[in-house]
Protein backbone atom coordinates (compact mmCIF):
# COMPACT_ATOMS: atom_id res chain seq x y z
CA UNK A 1 187.93 111.16 98.63
CA UNK A 2 189.88 107.93 99.14
CA UNK A 3 192.13 108.83 96.20
CA UNK A 4 192.85 112.18 97.83
CA UNK A 5 193.75 110.48 101.12
CA UNK A 6 196.18 108.20 99.34
CA UNK A 7 197.99 111.25 97.93
CA UNK A 8 198.59 112.70 101.39
CA UNK A 9 201.78 111.89 103.34
CA UNK A 10 202.49 108.41 101.98
CA UNK A 11 205.01 107.70 104.74
CA UNK A 12 202.28 107.79 107.40
CA UNK A 13 200.71 104.35 107.74
CA UNK A 14 198.27 105.32 110.49
CA UNK A 15 195.06 106.42 108.77
CA UNK A 16 193.87 108.70 111.58
CA UNK A 17 197.19 110.52 111.72
CA UNK A 18 197.33 110.90 107.94
CA UNK A 19 193.96 112.63 107.75
CA UNK A 20 194.19 114.27 111.20
CA UNK A 21 190.51 113.53 111.82
CA UNK A 22 188.16 111.35 113.86
CA UNK A 23 185.73 110.54 111.04
CA UNK A 24 185.68 110.18 107.26
CA UNK A 25 182.25 111.03 105.89
CA UNK A 26 180.51 112.64 102.93
CA UNK A 27 178.55 115.85 103.36
CA UNK A 28 175.22 114.26 102.47
CA UNK A 29 175.29 111.89 105.43
CA UNK A 30 176.39 114.63 107.83
CA UNK A 31 173.47 116.78 106.66
CA UNK A 32 170.96 113.95 107.07
CA UNK A 33 172.05 113.45 110.67
CA UNK A 34 171.86 117.17 111.46
CA UNK A 35 168.42 117.48 109.83
CA UNK A 36 167.10 114.55 111.86
CA UNK A 37 166.84 117.03 114.73
CA UNK A 38 164.37 119.29 112.88
CA UNK A 39 161.29 118.91 110.75
CA UNK A 40 161.81 119.86 107.10
CA UNK A 41 159.65 119.88 104.03
CA UNK A 42 159.38 116.82 101.77
CA UNK A 43 159.02 117.54 98.05
CA UNK A 44 156.84 115.40 95.79
CA UNK A 45 159.10 113.05 93.80
CA UNK A 46 157.52 113.79 90.40
CA UNK A 47 157.65 117.52 90.96
CA UNK A 48 161.20 117.22 92.28
CA UNK A 49 162.38 115.47 89.10
CA UNK A 50 161.06 118.32 86.97
CA UNK A 51 162.58 120.93 89.29
CA UNK A 52 165.90 119.10 89.24
CA UNK A 53 165.91 119.16 85.45
CA UNK A 54 165.38 122.93 85.46
CA UNK A 55 167.99 123.44 88.16
CA UNK A 56 170.55 121.44 86.17
CA UNK A 57 169.90 123.53 83.05
CA UNK A 58 170.31 126.71 85.11
CA UNK A 59 173.61 125.49 86.59
CA UNK A 60 174.93 124.63 83.13
CA UNK A 61 174.11 128.13 81.89
CA UNK A 62 175.77 129.81 84.84
CA UNK A 63 179.04 127.85 84.75
CA UNK A 64 179.88 128.56 81.14
CA UNK A 65 183.36 130.07 80.98
CA UNK A 66 182.50 133.34 79.28
CA UNK A 67 184.14 136.70 79.68
CA UNK A 68 181.13 138.26 81.39
CA UNK A 69 180.05 135.19 83.34
CA UNK A 70 179.66 135.61 87.10
CA UNK A 71 181.12 132.17 87.67
CA UNK A 72 184.25 130.93 85.98
CA UNK A 73 184.25 127.14 86.39
CA UNK A 74 183.10 124.72 83.70
CA UNK A 75 182.21 121.71 85.88
CA UNK A 76 181.38 120.72 89.42
CA UNK A 77 184.26 120.89 91.88
CA UNK A 78 185.18 118.19 94.36
CA UNK A 79 185.87 119.77 97.75
CA UNK A 80 187.67 118.01 100.61
CA UNK A 81 187.32 119.60 104.05
CA UNK A 82 188.58 119.03 107.55
CA UNK A 83 185.48 120.12 109.41
CA UNK A 84 185.80 120.86 113.14
CA UNK A 85 182.47 120.43 114.92
CA UNK A 86 182.08 122.35 118.20
CA UNK A 87 185.82 122.83 118.29
CA UNK A 88 186.74 119.26 119.23
CA UNK A 89 185.41 116.68 116.77
CA UNK A 90 187.33 116.55 113.47
CA UNK A 91 185.57 115.22 110.38
CA UNK A 92 187.30 114.62 107.04
CA UNK A 93 184.52 115.15 104.51
CA UNK A 94 184.03 115.30 100.77
CA UNK A 95 181.37 117.08 98.72
CA UNK A 96 180.66 118.76 95.41
CA UNK A 97 180.18 122.45 94.85
CA UNK A 98 178.92 124.06 91.69
CA UNK A 99 181.44 126.76 90.84
CA UNK A 100 184.06 129.29 91.90
CA UNK A 101 184.03 133.04 91.40
CA UNK A 102 186.99 135.03 90.10
CA UNK A 103 188.40 135.23 93.64
CA UNK A 104 188.35 131.41 93.88
CA UNK A 105 185.50 131.41 96.41
CA UNK A 106 183.19 128.42 96.19
CA UNK A 107 179.60 129.06 95.10
CA UNK A 108 176.46 126.94 95.50
CA UNK A 109 173.91 127.51 92.71
CA UNK A 110 170.19 127.22 93.50
CA UNK A 111 167.10 127.75 91.33
CA UNK A 112 163.99 128.86 93.26
CA UNK A 113 160.40 129.55 92.30
CA UNK A 114 159.12 132.93 93.50
CA UNK A 115 162.40 133.73 95.29
CA UNK A 116 163.22 133.30 98.95
CA UNK A 117 159.66 133.61 100.24
CA UNK A 118 158.44 132.77 103.75
CA UNK A 119 157.47 129.21 102.83
CA UNK A 120 160.92 128.46 101.44
CA UNK A 121 162.70 130.14 104.36
CA UNK A 122 160.61 128.18 106.86
CA UNK A 123 160.68 124.76 105.22
CA UNK A 124 163.71 124.50 102.93
CA UNK A 125 166.32 127.05 103.98
CA UNK A 126 167.77 125.03 106.86
CA UNK A 127 168.44 122.13 104.49
CA UNK A 128 170.24 124.46 102.05
CA UNK A 129 172.10 126.33 104.79
CA UNK A 130 173.50 123.11 106.30
CA UNK A 131 174.48 121.95 102.81
CA UNK A 132 176.92 124.85 102.46
CA UNK A 133 177.89 125.09 106.13
CA UNK A 134 179.16 121.51 106.16
CA UNK A 135 181.57 122.16 103.28
CA UNK A 136 182.62 125.69 104.19
CA UNK A 137 180.90 127.48 101.30
CA UNK A 138 179.89 131.08 101.95
CA UNK A 139 178.20 132.22 98.72
CA UNK A 140 174.95 131.32 96.97
CA UNK A 141 174.00 132.19 93.43
CA UNK A 142 170.19 132.16 93.40
CA UNK A 143 168.11 132.16 90.25
CA UNK A 144 164.42 133.09 90.55
CA UNK A 145 161.67 131.93 88.22
CA UNK A 146 157.97 132.84 88.07
CA UNK A 147 156.28 130.58 85.52
CA UNK A 148 154.69 127.44 87.03
CA UNK A 149 154.55 125.65 83.66
CA UNK A 150 157.85 123.77 83.63
CA UNK A 151 158.21 123.68 79.87
CA UNK A 152 158.16 127.49 79.68
CA UNK A 153 160.04 128.47 82.84
CA UNK A 154 162.37 131.42 82.56
CA UNK A 155 164.81 132.83 85.10
CA UNK A 156 163.93 136.49 85.60
CA UNK A 157 166.59 137.40 88.19
CA UNK A 158 169.88 136.14 89.62
CA UNK A 159 171.41 137.22 92.92
CA UNK A 160 174.59 136.52 94.88
CA UNK A 161 173.80 135.99 98.57
CA UNK A 162 176.16 135.51 101.49
CA UNK A 163 175.51 132.53 103.78
CA UNK A 164 175.18 134.75 106.86
CA UNK A 165 172.55 136.88 105.13
CA UNK A 166 170.49 133.75 104.48
CA UNK A 167 170.69 132.83 108.17
CA UNK A 168 169.43 136.29 109.15
CA UNK A 169 166.51 135.97 106.72
CA UNK A 170 165.66 132.54 108.13
CA UNK A 171 165.43 134.03 111.61
CA UNK A 172 163.60 137.25 110.71
CA UNK A 173 161.20 136.14 107.98
CA UNK A 174 160.96 132.37 107.95
CA UNK A 175 159.45 131.33 111.25
CA UNK A 176 158.78 133.15 114.51
CA UNK A 177 159.99 130.12 116.46
CA UNK A 178 163.17 129.87 114.37
CA UNK A 179 166.26 131.33 116.02
CA UNK A 180 170.00 131.11 115.54
CA UNK A 181 169.84 128.32 118.13
CA UNK A 182 167.91 126.16 115.65
CA UNK A 183 171.00 125.87 113.47
CA UNK A 184 173.23 125.51 116.51
CA UNK A 185 171.02 122.76 117.95
CA UNK A 186 171.16 120.85 114.66
CA UNK A 187 174.97 121.05 114.71
CA UNK A 188 174.99 120.00 118.38
CA UNK A 189 172.78 117.02 117.53
CA UNK A 190 175.24 116.05 114.79
CA UNK A 191 178.10 116.39 117.28
CA UNK A 192 176.34 114.29 119.94
CA UNK A 193 175.50 111.55 117.42
CA UNK A 194 179.06 111.32 116.09
CA UNK A 195 180.48 111.44 119.62
CA UNK A 196 178.28 108.51 120.62
CA UNK A 197 179.44 106.55 117.57
CA UNK A 198 183.04 107.38 118.43
CA UNK A 199 182.61 106.02 121.97
CA UNK A 200 181.06 102.80 120.68
CA UNK A 201 183.90 102.28 118.20
CA UNK A 202 186.52 102.25 120.94
CA UNK A 203 188.86 99.84 119.15
CA UNK A 204 189.73 98.69 115.64
CA UNK A 205 187.58 96.14 113.79
CA UNK A 206 184.37 97.20 115.55
CA UNK A 207 181.33 98.14 113.46
CA UNK A 208 177.88 99.45 114.29
CA UNK A 209 174.60 99.80 112.44
CA UNK A 210 172.79 103.11 112.89
CA UNK A 211 169.10 103.52 112.06
CA UNK A 212 166.80 106.47 112.63
CA UNK A 213 163.79 105.26 114.63
CA UNK A 214 162.03 108.62 115.11
CA UNK A 215 162.69 112.34 114.92
CA UNK A 216 166.03 113.03 116.63
CA UNK A 217 166.31 109.38 117.69
CA UNK A 218 168.73 106.75 116.41
CA UNK A 219 169.20 103.09 117.24
CA UNK A 220 172.79 101.81 117.47
CA UNK A 221 173.62 98.11 117.13
CA UNK A 222 176.94 96.31 116.93
CA UNK A 223 177.39 94.21 113.80
CA UNK A 224 180.21 92.12 112.37
CA UNK A 225 182.86 94.22 110.64
CA UNK A 226 183.13 91.45 108.04
CA UNK A 227 179.71 92.50 106.76
CA UNK A 228 180.89 96.05 106.08
CA UNK A 229 182.14 96.62 102.55
CA UNK A 230 181.76 100.39 102.09
CA UNK A 231 185.56 100.88 102.13
CA UNK A 232 187.55 98.81 99.57
CA UNK A 233 189.87 96.24 101.14
CA UNK A 234 192.75 97.34 98.90
CA UNK A 235 192.50 100.82 100.44
CA UNK A 236 192.57 99.53 104.02
CA UNK A 237 195.58 97.31 103.29
CA UNK A 238 197.68 100.47 102.84
CA UNK A 239 197.23 101.41 106.49
CA UNK A 240 198.00 99.85 109.86
C-alpha cells in the first residue's frame, strides 16, 4: 500500500492531500474493530488449520486460467480502496481479493461445509460480509463440501452469490434477532471508534495505543510517537 501511495501525485508533499483520506489502514484491522461490536464464532485452531488447507486448495483450483473457468485470474489481487464510512470519514485501505470474473468484478472465494446453513449464517456470515464490504467486493464464489474426513473432502457444488443476497439470508435465516441494523451498527461502531481516534490525534507527532478491554469497549492511551515503528522512516521523510 505504501508503494502505491508513493506512485500517486509525486508533487504533493502533504500525505493527507495525496491520499485524500483521514486514515490509512488495512482491511483486517477495520474488520476487527467492526466485529468488536458483535459476538462471533471462534473456530478451533487445529480444525481451522485443516480447513484453511482445504480452502487454499479450492482457491487454487478455481483461479486457474482455463477457457471454461469461472474466474480468470491466476493469483491474489491487491486492492486499494478509498472507503467512505457514513459519508464523512475517508479511509485509504488495502486488502487482497481472490479473483476477478470476465467483467473485471472482484470475487471472494469461500469453501464451506454443508453450505450456508443456519449455524454459519448466524455465527460466521457477519465476519465474511464485513470482509467484502470493507473492500467493495460484491460477489462470492462459494464451494460446498459434505465429507467431514478432511483427507477425502470433495467439493460437490459451486455457486456465485451476490453480497446483498447474503445479507438477506443473514436476516431471514440466520438469527431472529439479526436485522439489517446489525450490520449498520457494526459500521457505526467502526465509525465512532475511528472518529474518537481522529479527535485524539489532533496534531502531528501524536500517537495513541488502543486496546480492546471488553466487547465493544476500547481503552485509548497516549504514547510516545518515537516508540511507533509501523511506518518506515524513509517513507515519512517523503512527506511534510
